[in-house]
Protein backbone atom coordinates (compact mmCIF):
# COMPACT_ATOMS: atom_id res chain seq x y z
CA MET A 1 -248.50 -206.73 -18.01
CA HIS A 2 -245.26 -206.70 -19.93
CA TYR A 3 -242.43 -204.47 -18.82
CA PRO A 4 -241.96 -201.69 -21.42
CA GLU A 5 -238.44 -202.13 -22.76
CA ILE A 6 -236.84 -198.69 -22.48
CA ASP A 7 -233.39 -197.94 -23.85
CA PRO A 8 -231.39 -196.70 -20.82
CA ILE A 9 -229.45 -194.40 -23.18
CA ILE A 10 -231.35 -191.31 -24.27
CA LEU A 11 -228.75 -190.03 -26.71
CA GLN A 12 -225.41 -191.34 -27.90
CA LEU A 13 -222.87 -188.78 -29.14
CA GLY A 14 -219.76 -190.75 -30.01
CA PRO A 15 -218.26 -192.01 -26.75
CA LEU A 16 -220.60 -189.76 -24.75
CA ALA A 17 -223.87 -191.37 -23.67
CA ILE A 18 -226.68 -189.47 -21.98
CA ARG A 19 -228.56 -191.94 -19.78
CA TRP A 20 -231.97 -191.82 -18.15
CA TYR A 21 -230.43 -192.80 -14.81
CA GLY A 22 -228.07 -189.82 -14.83
CA LEU A 23 -230.92 -187.56 -15.90
CA MET A 24 -232.95 -188.72 -12.89
CA TYR A 25 -230.11 -187.60 -10.60
CA LEU A 26 -230.11 -184.23 -12.36
CA PHE A 27 -233.86 -183.92 -11.79
CA GLY A 28 -233.37 -184.78 -8.12
CA PHE A 29 -230.71 -182.11 -7.56
CA ALA A 30 -232.78 -179.56 -9.51
CA ALA A 31 -235.73 -180.33 -7.21
CA LEU A 32 -233.46 -179.89 -4.17
CA TRP A 33 -232.41 -176.46 -5.48
CA TRP A 34 -235.99 -175.34 -6.18
CA LEU A 35 -237.54 -176.68 -2.98
CA GLY A 36 -234.56 -175.47 -0.95
CA ARG A 37 -235.06 -171.90 -2.17
CA LEU A 38 -238.76 -172.23 -1.38
CA ARG A 39 -238.10 -173.43 2.18
CA ALA A 40 -235.34 -170.88 2.77
CA ARG A 41 -237.93 -168.09 2.46
CA GLN A 42 -239.82 -169.39 5.49
CA ALA A 43 -239.26 -167.41 8.68
CA HIS A 44 -238.35 -170.35 10.93
CA THR A 45 -235.64 -171.91 8.73
CA PRO A 46 -231.93 -171.43 9.61
CA LEU A 47 -230.74 -171.23 5.99
CA THR A 48 -231.16 -168.38 3.54
CA VAL A 49 -231.60 -168.43 -0.22
CA SER A 50 -227.91 -167.56 -0.63
CA HIS A 51 -226.96 -170.86 1.03
CA ILE A 52 -228.85 -173.10 -1.39
CA GLU A 53 -226.39 -173.30 -4.29
CA ASP A 54 -223.60 -174.45 -1.98
CA LEU A 55 -226.00 -176.80 -0.19
CA VAL A 56 -226.89 -178.52 -3.47
CA PHE A 57 -223.19 -178.87 -4.36
CA TYR A 58 -222.36 -180.46 -1.00
CA CYS A 59 -225.36 -182.82 -1.21
CA ALA A 60 -224.54 -183.83 -4.80
CA LEU A 61 -220.94 -184.60 -3.89
CA GLY A 62 -221.95 -186.58 -0.82
CA THR A 63 -224.63 -188.49 -2.74
CA VAL A 64 -222.39 -189.59 -5.61
CA LEU A 65 -219.30 -190.42 -3.57
CA GLY A 66 -221.15 -192.00 -0.66
CA GLY A 67 -223.62 -193.84 -2.88
CA ARG A 68 -220.93 -195.42 -5.04
CA ILE A 69 -218.53 -196.26 -2.21
CA GLY A 70 -221.41 -197.63 -0.15
CA TYR A 71 -222.59 -199.85 -2.99
CA VAL A 72 -219.13 -201.28 -3.53
CA LEU A 73 -218.58 -201.92 0.19
CA PHE A 74 -222.07 -203.24 1.01
CA TYR A 75 -222.98 -205.11 -2.16
CA ALA A 76 -219.90 -205.67 -4.34
CA SER A 77 -216.85 -205.94 -2.08
CA ASP A 78 -215.75 -209.13 -3.85
CA ARG A 79 -215.80 -207.37 -7.24
CA TRP A 80 -213.87 -204.42 -5.79
CA LEU A 81 -211.17 -206.66 -4.34
CA ALA A 82 -210.78 -208.35 -7.72
CA ASP A 83 -210.96 -205.11 -9.71
CA PRO A 84 -210.45 -201.87 -7.68
CA LEU A 85 -211.34 -199.73 -10.72
CA VAL A 86 -214.95 -200.92 -10.47
CA LEU A 87 -215.36 -198.13 -7.92
CA LEU A 88 -214.95 -195.56 -10.70
CA ARG A 89 -217.24 -197.17 -13.30
CA ILE A 90 -220.43 -195.47 -12.18
CA TRP A 91 -221.96 -195.81 -15.66
CA GLU A 92 -222.22 -199.56 -15.10
CA GLY A 93 -224.79 -198.90 -12.35
CA GLY A 94 -224.71 -199.52 -8.63
CA MET A 95 -225.51 -196.85 -6.07
CA SER A 96 -226.43 -197.50 -2.44
CA PHE A 97 -228.92 -195.24 -0.71
CA HIS A 98 -227.47 -196.07 2.70
CA GLY A 99 -223.99 -195.18 1.48
CA GLY A 100 -225.35 -192.02 -0.11
CA LEU A 101 -227.03 -191.10 3.17
CA LEU A 102 -223.74 -191.39 5.04
CA GLY A 103 -222.04 -189.38 2.31
CA VAL A 104 -224.64 -186.61 2.50
CA LEU A 105 -224.46 -186.58 6.30
CA GLY A 106 -220.70 -186.08 6.11
CA ALA A 107 -221.16 -183.33 3.51
CA LEU A 108 -223.76 -181.57 5.67
CA ILE A 109 -221.42 -181.65 8.66
CA LEU A 110 -218.79 -179.86 6.55
CA PHE A 111 -221.42 -177.44 5.24
CA SER A 112 -222.60 -176.69 8.80
CA ARG A 113 -219.06 -175.95 9.97
CA ARG A 114 -218.40 -173.66 7.04
CA TYR A 115 -221.48 -171.56 7.69
CA GLN A 116 -221.42 -171.94 11.51
CA LEU A 117 -224.80 -173.67 11.65
CA ARG A 118 -225.96 -176.48 13.90
CA VAL A 119 -225.82 -179.84 12.13
CA TRP A 120 -229.31 -180.94 13.20
CA GLN A 121 -230.77 -177.67 11.96
CA VAL A 122 -229.29 -178.32 8.54
CA THR A 123 -230.34 -181.99 8.39
CA ASP A 124 -233.88 -181.01 9.45
CA PHE A 125 -233.89 -178.46 6.63
CA VAL A 126 -232.74 -180.97 4.00
CA ALA A 127 -234.69 -184.06 5.12
CA PRO A 128 -238.12 -183.12 3.64
CA MET A 129 -236.56 -182.65 0.19
CA VAL A 130 -234.64 -185.92 0.02
CA PRO A 131 -237.70 -188.06 -0.90
CA VAL A 132 -238.06 -186.17 -4.18
CA GLY A 133 -234.58 -187.32 -5.18
CA LEU A 134 -235.46 -190.85 -4.06
CA PHE A 135 -238.56 -190.76 -6.27
CA PHE A 136 -236.53 -189.88 -9.36
CA GLY A 137 -233.86 -192.45 -8.45
CA ARG A 138 -236.44 -195.27 -8.25
CA ILE A 139 -237.91 -194.22 -11.59
CA GLY A 140 -234.36 -194.50 -12.95
CA ASN A 141 -234.17 -198.04 -11.51
CA PHE A 142 -237.44 -198.91 -13.28
CA ILE A 143 -236.21 -197.54 -16.61
CA ASN A 144 -232.99 -199.53 -16.23
CA GLY A 145 -235.01 -202.69 -15.51
CA GLU A 146 -233.15 -203.40 -12.25
CA LEU A 147 -233.96 -204.14 -8.60
CA TRP A 148 -237.01 -206.25 -9.45
CA GLY A 149 -239.46 -207.70 -6.99
CA ALA A 150 -240.29 -211.34 -6.40
CA PRO A 151 -242.77 -213.37 -8.50
CA THR A 152 -246.38 -212.48 -7.81
CA SER A 153 -249.95 -213.24 -8.83
CA VAL A 154 -251.22 -209.65 -8.47
CA SER A 155 -252.81 -208.19 -11.58
CA TRP A 156 -250.19 -205.44 -11.89
CA GLY A 157 -247.23 -207.84 -11.87
CA MET A 158 -244.90 -207.34 -14.84
CA GLN A 159 -243.26 -209.93 -17.05
CA VAL A 160 -239.74 -209.01 -18.11
CA ALA A 161 -237.98 -210.20 -21.27
CA CYS A 162 -235.01 -212.38 -20.33
CA ALA A 163 -232.83 -211.31 -23.25
CA ASN A 164 -229.66 -209.66 -21.85
CA ARG A 165 -230.92 -210.16 -18.26
CA TYR A 166 -228.98 -213.23 -17.21
CA ASP A 167 -228.61 -212.11 -13.59
CA LEU A 168 -232.36 -211.62 -13.14
CA CYS A 169 -233.58 -214.68 -15.01
CA VAL A 170 -230.91 -217.30 -14.30
CA ASN A 171 -229.17 -216.18 -11.10
CA LYS A 172 -232.06 -214.70 -9.15
CA LEU A 173 -235.13 -216.51 -10.52
CA GLN A 174 -233.22 -219.68 -11.48
CA LEU A 175 -235.02 -219.98 -14.81
CA ALA A 176 -233.74 -222.00 -17.75
CA PRO A 177 -231.23 -220.05 -19.90
CA ASP A 178 -233.59 -220.17 -22.90
CA THR A 179 -236.57 -218.69 -21.00
CA VAL A 180 -238.15 -215.83 -22.95
CA LEU A 181 -240.21 -214.09 -20.25
CA THR A 182 -240.11 -214.09 -16.47
CA PRO A 183 -243.22 -214.86 -14.46
CA PRO A 184 -245.05 -211.70 -13.31
CA LEU A 185 -242.86 -209.79 -10.86
CA HIS A 186 -243.63 -207.11 -8.30
CA PRO A 187 -242.62 -203.72 -9.76
CA SER A 188 -240.81 -203.00 -6.50
CA GLN A 189 -239.07 -199.96 -7.96
CA LEU A 190 -242.46 -198.29 -8.34
CA TYR A 191 -243.51 -199.32 -4.83
CA GLU A 192 -240.41 -197.59 -3.50
CA ALA A 193 -240.96 -194.55 -5.71
CA VAL A 194 -244.42 -194.12 -4.19
CA LEU A 195 -243.56 -194.92 -0.55
CA GLU A 196 -239.99 -193.56 -0.19
CA GLY A 197 -240.69 -190.76 -2.64
CA LEU A 198 -244.23 -189.40 -2.76
CA VAL A 199 -245.66 -190.59 0.57
CA LEU A 200 -242.56 -189.72 2.60
CA PHE A 201 -242.28 -186.32 0.90
CA VAL A 202 -245.88 -185.39 1.75
CA LEU A 203 -245.45 -186.59 5.34
CA LEU A 204 -242.20 -184.68 5.94
CA TRP A 205 -243.29 -181.53 4.13
CA TRP A 206 -246.46 -181.40 6.21
CA TYR A 207 -244.63 -182.19 9.47
CA SER A 208 -241.95 -179.54 8.90
CA ALA A 209 -244.41 -176.84 7.85
CA ARG A 210 -244.19 -175.37 11.35
CA PRO A 211 -241.18 -175.16 13.69
CA ARG A 212 -240.13 -178.48 15.22
CA THR A 213 -237.57 -179.22 17.90
CA ALA A 214 -234.35 -180.53 16.34
CA PRO A 215 -233.80 -183.28 15.29
CA ALA A 216 -237.47 -184.31 15.02
CA VAL A 217 -237.68 -183.94 11.22
CA SER A 218 -234.44 -185.88 10.69
CA GLY A 219 -235.69 -188.60 13.03
CA LEU A 220 -239.01 -188.88 11.18
CA PHE A 221 -237.15 -189.17 7.88
CA LEU A 222 -234.94 -191.99 9.14
CA LEU A 223 -237.89 -193.79 10.72
CA GLY A 224 -240.09 -193.36 7.65
CA TYR A 225 -237.53 -194.33 5.04
CA GLY A 226 -236.22 -197.25 7.06
CA SER A 227 -239.72 -198.62 7.62
CA PHE A 228 -240.79 -198.27 3.98
CA ARG A 229 -237.56 -199.80 2.70
CA PHE A 230 -237.76 -202.68 5.18
CA ALA A 231 -241.36 -203.39 4.12
CA VAL A 232 -240.70 -203.36 0.35
CA GLU A 233 -237.72 -205.70 0.78
CA TRP A 234 -240.26 -208.44 1.63
CA VAL A 235 -241.36 -208.47 -2.02
CA ARG A 236 -238.01 -207.55 -3.61
CA LEU A 237 -235.51 -210.08 -4.93
CA PRO A 238 -232.21 -210.04 -3.01
CA ASP A 239 -228.93 -209.48 -4.83
CA SER A 240 -227.97 -212.75 -6.50
CA HIS A 241 -224.41 -212.76 -5.11
CA LEU A 242 -225.65 -212.08 -1.56
CA GLY A 243 -228.98 -213.86 -1.32
CA TYR A 244 -230.74 -213.86 2.03
CA LEU A 245 -228.44 -213.14 4.95
CA ALA A 246 -230.43 -215.05 7.59
CA PHE A 247 -233.73 -216.86 8.25
CA ASP A 248 -234.40 -217.20 4.48
CA TRP A 249 -235.86 -213.68 4.44
CA LEU A 250 -233.42 -211.09 5.85
CA THR A 251 -231.83 -209.04 3.04
CA MET A 252 -228.92 -206.61 3.06
CA GLY A 253 -231.39 -203.76 2.50
CA GLN A 254 -233.32 -204.75 5.63
CA LEU A 255 -230.15 -205.15 7.67
CA LEU A 256 -229.00 -201.66 6.69
CA SER A 257 -232.46 -200.20 7.33
CA LEU A 258 -232.75 -201.50 10.90
CA PRO A 259 -230.25 -198.96 12.35
CA MET A 260 -232.14 -196.20 10.52
CA ILE A 261 -235.45 -197.25 12.10
CA ILE A 262 -233.95 -197.48 15.59
CA THR A 263 -231.97 -194.22 15.30
CA GLY A 264 -234.92 -192.38 13.77
CA GLY A 265 -237.23 -193.51 16.55
CA ILE A 266 -234.75 -192.42 19.22
CA LEU A 267 -234.17 -188.99 17.65
CA LEU A 268 -237.88 -188.38 17.21
CA ALA A 269 -238.64 -189.43 20.80
CA MET A 270 -235.84 -187.22 22.16
CA ALA A 271 -237.06 -184.21 20.20
CA CYS A 272 -240.69 -184.72 21.27
CA ARG A 273 -239.62 -185.11 24.89
CA ARG A 274 -237.61 -181.89 24.74
CA ALA A 275 -240.57 -180.12 23.16
CA GLY A 276 -242.87 -181.47 25.86
CA THR A 277 -245.21 -183.19 23.38
């Protein structure tokens, strides 16, 4: 299959550009608002419907700030040292989920203090809704034609036009500069959209449908996301300026996911032990 070339800009109004990637973030926050109001009506949840607007604001702020700062620190520190203003040029792309997670965690701690709630109660409330935002984010990655997987022989592999994709074709795949099409590549963005988005959402929504001992839901989220991300990294091309960090297979995404898997497993085990299950 050939990758469908999609203009990342939906509408250009003078200097103002409306991009698919930004729209995906908007869809994610809208889903958080809608699902949050739905969950807040359940009897066993600590938040009420009146909390949701502020919750979305805190999560949006933590996502954008943490995601951008995390990307610059984890994946582009050399660019930041050479040009500190790269931190502000979000429209050029580059958001880290792991940085965004830390940003959201910090925002939820502030939110919990403001409303005198327990932090783990709030994170357990939010965790089942996060995969929906991840789903939209990965669709945005696919539309942008970024974060591609490795070459493959599977029938659903996608060939990508090399025009204006020097980093993918020359730096990552080491193809000749005049190459027209890449070999078939794993559509790893779609793998992540399904696993980190749809599958993880269904799992967490089902698991949190009845009261669980805190922080079981948060632990399951960390364990689930970390495991799915670690697995997909096996068929995803590493960043060209980082390459493999060790053993000719360990990527930055896997390295950052390992603490999530370990922490998630510990939190889930602690919660189950406290609950006597």
